C-alpha atoms as a PDB file:
ATOM      1  CA  MET A   1      48.307  -3.439 162.750  1.00  0.00           C
ATOM      2  CA  MET A   2      46.529  -6.579 162.777  1.00  0.00           C
ATOM      3  CA  ALA A   3      45.192  -8.469 165.998  1.00  0.00           C
ATOM      4  CA  THR A   4      47.016 -11.450 166.564  1.00  0.00           C
ATOM      5  CA  PRO A   5      44.288 -14.246 166.547  1.00  0.00           C
ATOM      6  CA  THR A   6      42.581 -15.623 169.599  1.00  0.00           C
ATOM      7  CA  TYR A   7      42.434 -19.642 169.585  1.00  0.00           C
ATOM      8  CA  ALA A   8      41.601 -19.712 173.520  1.00  0.00           C
ATOM      9  CA  ALA A   9      38.547 -20.550 172.872  1.00  0.00           C
ATOM     10  CA  VAL A  10      38.478 -22.625 170.128  1.00  0.00           C
ATOM     11  CA  THR A  11      37.621 -26.278 170.789  1.00  0.00           C
ATOM     12  CA  PHE A  12      39.722 -28.043 168.417  1.00  0.00           C
ATOM     13  CA  SER A  13      41.171 -31.390 168.873  1.00  0.00           C
ATOM     14  CA  PRO A  14      44.530 -32.001 166.891  1.00  0.00           C
ATOM     15  CA  PRO A  15      44.655 -35.240 164.598  1.00  0.00           C
ATOM     16  CA  LYS A  16      46.146 -38.029 166.435  1.00  0.00           C
ATOM     17  CA  ILE A  17      49.191 -38.202 164.565  1.00  0.00           C
ATOM     18  CA  TRP A  18      50.087 -34.888 165.963  1.00  0.00           C
ATOM     19  CA  GLN A  19      49.081 -36.053 169.429  1.00  0.00           C
ATOM     20  CA  THR A  20      51.388 -39.037 169.071  1.00  0.00           C
ATOM     21  CA  PHE A  21      53.748 -39.190 166.365  1.00  0.00           C
ATOM     22  CA  PRO A  22      56.968 -37.402 166.595  1.00  0.00           C
ATOM     23  CA  PRO A  23      57.934 -37.711 163.124  1.00  0.00           C
ATOM     24  CA  PHE A  24      55.528 -35.495 162.007  1.00  0.00           C
ATOM     25  CA  PHE A  25      57.548 -32.726 163.541  1.00  0.00           C
ATOM     26  CA  THR A  26      60.487 -33.481 161.466  1.00  0.00           C
ATOM     27  CA  LEU A  27      60.812 -32.280 157.666  1.00  0.00           C
ATOM     28  CA  GLN A  28      60.998 -35.659 155.832  1.00  0.00           C
ATOM     29  CA  PRO A  29      63.827 -36.268 153.314  1.00  0.00           C
ATOM     30  CA  THR A  30      61.898 -38.392 151.019  1.00  0.00           C
ATOM     31  CA  ASP A  31      60.256 -36.549 148.325  1.00  0.00           C
ATOM     32  CA  SER A  32      56.959 -38.568 148.645  1.00  0.00           C
ATOM     33  CA  THR A  33      56.668 -38.744 152.644  1.00  0.00           C
ATOM     34  CA  ARG A  34      57.114 -35.164 152.455  1.00  0.00           C
ATOM     35  CA  ALA A  35      54.440 -34.480 150.053  1.00  0.00           C
ATOM     36  CA  THR A  36      52.086 -36.418 152.467  1.00  0.00           C
ATOM     37  CA  GLN A  37      53.511 -34.774 155.733  1.00  0.00           C
ATOM     38  CA  LEU A  38      52.836 -30.862 154.053  1.00  0.00           C
ATOM     39  CA  GLU A  39      49.293 -32.185 153.114  1.00  0.00           C
ATOM     40  CA  GLU A  40      48.649 -33.175 156.503  1.00  0.00           C
ATOM     41  CA  TRP A  41      49.989 -30.215 157.694  1.00  0.00           C
ATOM     42  CA  GLY A  42      47.943 -27.932 155.575  1.00  0.00           C
ATOM     43  CA  LYS A  43      44.713 -30.021 156.707  1.00  0.00           C
ATOM     44  CA  LEU A  44      45.633 -29.486 160.274  1.00  0.00           C
ATOM     45  CA  LEU A  45      46.300 -25.562 159.751  1.00  0.00           C
ATOM     46  CA  LEU A  46      43.175 -25.281 157.989  1.00  0.00           C
ATOM     47  CA  ALA A  47      40.944 -27.683 159.940  1.00  0.00           C
ATOM     48  CA  HIS A  48      42.050 -25.234 162.912  1.00  0.00           C
ATOM     49  CA  CYS A  49      41.437 -21.994 161.519  1.00  0.00           C
ATOM     50  CA  SER A  50      37.983 -23.272 160.282  1.00  0.00           C
ATOM     51  CA  SER A  51      37.273 -23.918 163.751  1.00  0.00           C
ATOM     52  CA  ALA A  52      38.622 -20.751 165.047  1.00  0.00           C
ATOM     53  CA  ARG A  53      36.885 -18.974 162.395  1.00  0.00           C
ATOM     54  CA  VAL A  54      40.260 -17.017 161.594  1.00  0.00           C
ATOM     55  CA  SER A  55      41.073 -16.266 157.702  1.00  0.00           C
ATOM     56  CA  THR A  56      44.220 -14.241 158.956  1.00  0.00           C
ATOM     57  CA  LEU A  57      47.533 -15.619 160.670  1.00  0.00           C
ATOM     58  CA  PRO A  58      49.774 -11.914 160.683  1.00  0.00           C
ATOM     59  CA  ALA A  59      52.771 -14.261 162.039  1.00  0.00           C
ATOM     60  CA  TYR A  60      52.295 -17.955 160.467  1.00  0.00           C
ATOM     61  CA  LYS A  61      55.512 -18.899 162.089  1.00  0.00           C
ATOM     62  CA  SER A  62      53.917 -18.367 165.405  1.00  0.00           C
ATOM     63  CA  TRP A  63      51.054 -20.463 165.166  1.00  0.00           C
ATOM     64  CA  PRO A  64      50.575 -22.449 168.457  1.00  0.00           C
ATOM     65  CA  LEU A  65      49.973 -26.012 166.861  1.00  0.00           C
ATOM     66  CA  TRP A  66      53.680 -25.990 165.235  1.00  0.00           C
ATOM     67  CA  GLU A  67      54.620 -27.137 168.542  1.00  0.00           C
ATOM     68  CA  ASN A  68      53.804 -29.872 170.732  1.00  0.00           C
ATOM     69  CA  ALA A  69      54.929 -29.403 174.418  1.00  0.00           C
ATOM     70  CA  ALA A  70      53.628 -33.023 175.531  1.00  0.00           C
ATOM     71  CA  LEU A  71      55.889 -34.719 172.765  1.00  0.00           C
ATOM     72  CA  HIS A  72      58.333 -32.128 173.366  1.00  0.00           C
ATOM     73  CA  ARG A  73      58.343 -31.415 169.470  1.00  0.00           C
ATOM     74  CA  SER A  74      58.593 -28.518 167.362  1.00  0.00           C
ATOM     75  CA  LEU A  75      58.036 -28.275 163.264  1.00  0.00           C
ATOM     76  CA  PRO A  76      61.279 -26.277 162.615  1.00  0.00           C
ATOM     77  CA  GLU A  77      61.112 -23.060 160.733  1.00  0.00           C
ATOM     78  CA  GLU A  78      62.163 -24.536 157.563  1.00  0.00           C
ATOM     79  CA  GLY A  79      59.019 -26.965 158.087  1.00  0.00           C
ATOM     80  CA  ARG A  80      56.811 -24.066 158.559  1.00  0.00           C
ATOM     81  CA  ALA A  81      57.867 -22.343 155.442  1.00  0.00           C
ATOM     82  CA  ALA A  82      57.160 -25.385 153.496  1.00  0.00           C
ATOM     83  CA  VAL A  83      53.555 -25.716 154.884  1.00  0.00           C
ATOM     84  CA  ALA A  84      53.232 -22.122 154.025  1.00  0.00           C
ATOM     85  CA  ALA A  85      54.412 -22.593 150.583  1.00  0.00           C
ATOM     86  CA  HIS A  86      52.104 -26.060 149.856  1.00  0.00           C
ATOM     87  CA  LEU A  87      49.278 -24.219 151.414  1.00  0.00           C
ATOM     88  CA  ILE A  88      50.223 -21.322 148.539  1.00  0.00           C
ATOM     89  CA  THR A  89      50.868 -23.868 145.692  1.00  0.00           C
ATOM     90  CA  THR A  90      47.534 -25.536 146.550  1.00  0.00           C
ATOM     91  CA  ARG A  91      45.723 -21.734 146.375  1.00  0.00           C
ATOM     92  CA  ARG A  92      44.835 -22.372 150.082  1.00  0.00           C
ATOM     93  CA  ALA A  93      46.673 -19.633 151.454  1.00  0.00           C
ATOM     94  CA  ALA A  94      48.753 -16.286 149.758  1.00  0.00           C
ATOM     95  CA  TRP A  95      51.021 -13.610 151.525  1.00  0.00           C
ATOM     96  CA  LEU A  96      49.301 -10.880 153.149  1.00  0.00           C
ATOM     97  CA  ASP A  97      51.815  -8.505 151.876  1.00  0.00           C
ATOM     98  CA  ASP A  98      55.642  -8.636 150.527  1.00  0.00           C
ATOM     99  CA  THR A  99      57.382  -9.012 153.991  1.00  0.00           C
ATOM    100  CA  ARG A 100      56.069 -13.004 153.730  1.00  0.00           C
ATOM    101  CA  VAL A 101      55.322 -12.765 157.467  1.00  0.00           C
ATOM    102  CA  GLY A 102      51.732 -13.144 157.545  1.00  0.00           C
ATOM    103  CA  LEU A 103      49.408 -15.575 155.593  1.00  0.00           C
ATOM    104  CA  ARG A 104      45.620 -15.020 154.563  1.00  0.00           C
ATOM    105  CA  VAL A 105      44.505 -18.809 154.887  1.00  0.00           C
ATOM    106  CA  TYR A 106      41.293 -19.875 152.625  1.00  0.00           C
ATOM    107  CA  TRP A 107      39.479 -22.757 155.163  1.00  0.00           C
ATOM    108  CA  LYS A 108      37.378 -22.386 152.316  1.00  0.00           C
ATOM    109  CA  SER A 109      38.668 -21.997 148.789  1.00  0.00           C
ATOM    110  CA  VAL A 110      37.739 -18.578 147.354  1.00  0.00           C
ATOM    111  CA  GLU A 111      35.469 -20.490 144.902  1.00  0.00           C
ATOM    112  CA  GLU A 112      33.462 -22.051 148.102  1.00  0.00           C
ATOM    113  CA  TRP A 113      33.465 -18.653 149.434  1.00  0.00           C
ATOM    114  CA  ALA A 114      32.285 -16.953 145.907  1.00  0.00           C
ATOM    115  CA  ALA A 115      29.393 -19.558 145.860  1.00  0.00           C
ATOM    116  CA  LEU A 116      28.080 -18.759 149.485  1.00  0.00           C
ATOM    117  CA  VAL A 117      28.053 -15.238 148.551  1.00  0.00           C
ATOM    118  CA  VAL A 118      26.205 -15.291 145.186  1.00  0.00           C
ATOM    119  CA  GLN A 119      23.839 -17.649 147.244  1.00  0.00           C
ATOM    120  CA  GLU A 120      23.204 -15.085 149.618  1.00  0.00           C
ATOM    121  CA  ALA A 121      23.160 -12.376 146.955  1.00  0.00           C
ATOM    122  CA  ARG A 122      20.000 -14.434 145.539  1.00  0.00           C
ATOM    123  CA  GLU A 123      18.707 -15.251 148.684  1.00  0.00           C
ATOM    124  CA  HIS A 124      18.447 -11.275 149.455  1.00  0.00           C
ATOM    125  CA  ALA A 125      17.438 -10.312 145.647  1.00  0.00           C
ATOM    126  CA  PHE A 126      20.543  -8.552 144.996  1.00  0.00           C
ATOM    127  CA  GLU A 127      20.236  -9.010 141.140  1.00  0.00           C
ATOM    128  CA  GLY A 128      20.363  -5.707 139.473  1.00  0.00           C
ATOM    129  CA  SER A 129      21.169  -3.618 142.530  1.00  0.00           C
ATOM    130  CA  THR A 130      24.448  -1.942 143.678  1.00  0.00           C
ATOM    131  CA  THR A 131      25.923  -2.295 147.268  1.00  0.00           C
ATOM    132  CA  THR A 132      28.789  -0.996 148.527  1.00  0.00           C
ATOM    133  CA  PHE A 133      31.728  -3.163 149.933  1.00  0.00           C
ATOM    134  CA  LEU A 134      31.287  -1.762 153.384  1.00  0.00           C
ATOM    135  CA  GLU A 135      27.494  -2.655 153.555  1.00  0.00           C
ATOM    136  CA  LEU A 136      28.547  -6.174 152.869  1.00  0.00           C
ATOM    137  CA  THR A 137      30.881  -6.034 155.166  1.00  0.00           C
ATOM    138  CA  GLU A 138      29.274  -4.483 157.955  1.00  0.00           C
ATOM    139  CA  PRO A 139      25.690  -5.154 157.632  1.00  0.00           C
ATOM    140  CA  ALA A 140      24.195  -4.341 160.659  1.00  0.00           C
ATOM    141  CA  ARG A 141      26.021  -1.297 160.994  1.00  0.00           C
ATOM    142  CA  HIS A 142      24.712   0.141 157.513  1.00  0.00           C
ATOM    143  CA  ASN A 143      21.123  -1.654 158.517  1.00  0.00           C
ATOM    144  CA  TYR A 144      21.161  -3.798 154.986  1.00  0.00           C
ATOM    145  CA  ALA A 145      19.476  -6.605 154.132  1.00  0.00           C
ATOM    146  CA  TRP A 146      21.374  -9.069 155.790  1.00  0.00           C
ATOM    147  CA  ALA A 147      21.423  -6.897 158.961  1.00  0.00           C
ATOM    148  CA  VAL A 148      22.246 -10.504 160.786  1.00  0.00           C
ATOM    149  CA  GLU A 149      25.476 -12.115 159.441  1.00  0.00           C
ATOM    150  CA  PRO A 150      24.426 -15.164 157.735  1.00  0.00           C
ATOM    151  CA  GLU A 151      25.514 -18.166 159.161  1.00  0.00           C
ATOM    152  CA  ARG A 152      27.298 -19.449 156.090  1.00  0.00           C
ATOM    153  CA  LEU A 153      29.035 -16.295 155.585  1.00  0.00           C
ATOM    154  CA  ARG A 154      30.426 -16.129 159.541  1.00  0.00           C
ATOM    155  CA  GLY A 155      34.116 -15.618 159.654  1.00  0.00           C
ATOM    156  CA  LEU A 156      34.455 -14.028 155.748  1.00  0.00           C
ATOM    157  CA  GLU A 157      36.806 -11.541 156.674  1.00  0.00           C
ATOM    158  CA  PRO A 158      36.653  -8.524 154.281  1.00  0.00           C
ATOM    159  CA  ALA A 159      39.445  -9.281 152.492  1.00  0.00           C
ATOM    160  CA  VAL A 160      38.452 -12.976 151.635  1.00  0.00           C
ATOM    161  CA  LEU A 161      35.334 -11.241 150.558  1.00  0.00           C
ATOM    162  CA  LYS A 162      37.382  -8.944 148.520  1.00  0.00           C
ATOM    163  CA  ASP A 163      38.774 -12.020 146.902  1.00  0.00           C
ATOM    164  CA  ALA A 164      35.509 -13.610 145.959  1.00  0.00           C
ATOM    165  CA  LEU A 165      34.175 -10.908 144.727  1.00  0.00           C
ATOM    166  CA  GLN A 166      37.191  -9.999 142.277  1.00  0.00           C
ATOM    167  CA  LEU A 167      36.446 -13.916 141.642  1.00  0.00           C
ATOM    168  CA  LEU A 168      33.047 -13.275 140.681  1.00  0.00           C
ATOM    169  CA  ALA A 169      33.764  -9.883 138.519  1.00  0.00           C
ATOM    170  CA  ARG A 170      35.993 -12.148 136.236  1.00  0.00           C
ATOM    171  CA  GLU A 171      33.309 -14.430 136.291  1.00  0.00           C
ATOM    172  CA  GLY A 172      30.686 -11.559 134.947  1.00  0.00           C
ATOM    173  CA  VAL A 173      28.718 -12.039 138.180  1.00  0.00           C
ATOM    174  CA  VAL A 174      29.474  -8.833 139.380  1.00  0.00           C
ATOM    175  CA  ALA A 175      31.060  -5.584 138.232  1.00  0.00           C
ATOM    176  CA  ILE A 176      33.171  -3.505 140.796  1.00  0.00           C
ATOM    177  CA  PHE A 177      33.314   0.308 140.872  1.00  0.00           C
ATOM    178  CA  GLU A 178      36.586   1.438 142.605  1.00  0.00           C
ATOM    179  CA  ASP A 179      36.037   4.323 145.423  1.00  0.00           C
ATOM    180  CA  PRO A 180      37.493   7.331 143.662  1.00  0.00           C
ATOM    181  CA  GLU A 181      39.134   8.672 146.655  1.00  0.00           C
ATOM    182  CA  GLY A 182      41.259   5.228 146.728  1.00  0.00           C
ATOM    183  CA  GLY A 183      39.596   4.125 149.991  1.00  0.00           C
ATOM    184  CA  SER A 184      38.766   0.464 150.699  1.00  0.00           C
ATOM    185  CA  ASN A 185      35.299   1.079 150.076  1.00  0.00           C
ATOM    186  CA  PHE A 186      33.965   0.097 147.141  1.00  0.00           C
ATOM    187  CA  GLY A 187      30.752  -0.285 144.590  1.00  0.00           C
ATOM    188  CA  VAL A 188      29.370  -3.964 143.850  1.00  0.00           C
ATOM    189  CA  GLN A 189      26.738  -4.023 140.981  1.00  0.00           C
ATOM    190  CA  TRP A 190      25.088  -7.774 140.975  1.00  0.00           C
ATOM    191  CA  THR A 191      24.756  -8.356 136.913  1.00  0.00           C
ATOM    192  CA  LYS A 192      23.587 -12.185 136.915  1.00  0.00           C
ATOM    193  CA  ILE A 193      22.935 -13.802 139.976  1.00  0.00           C
ATOM    194  CA  SER A 194      19.924 -15.909 139.136  1.00  0.00           C
END
């Protein structure tokens, strides 16, 4: 079971529209206005997750910023679902599983994460080498080349790293060798990162 993200330590200031505009919490009926509203809610959710360095919302409908106690307003469940659908359509989120309760949030796109992973791999001379997924996600435990997590990859959750590696595999940058025992560890051969 996944832990619920903790936002208490996050220093995040919501935008003025969230703080002062009650209609922001009512799903707008006009298509163009609703599109703008969904875009703004999406930016707010991504910015908050980026600030918290969280990529997983196990129960997205309970995200704390859906409600604003000072305005006595709350985005209804239909609006929350519309924001999730918008983020999924724009490839900034994906369902964690078939229950559609939790979201994986890409506060950096998969392409951006993949580029950062390649940059780190280049700097650590991984080309031509093979690593395991666990070495990449738990480098200090495995006494690996990037034993101190690089700042640019801080907050990269294992599932997002896997998405980035799968993208790089499709682009021919890495080859992925599945765990023969069907576990979560797999091999990553760094073929062309220069």
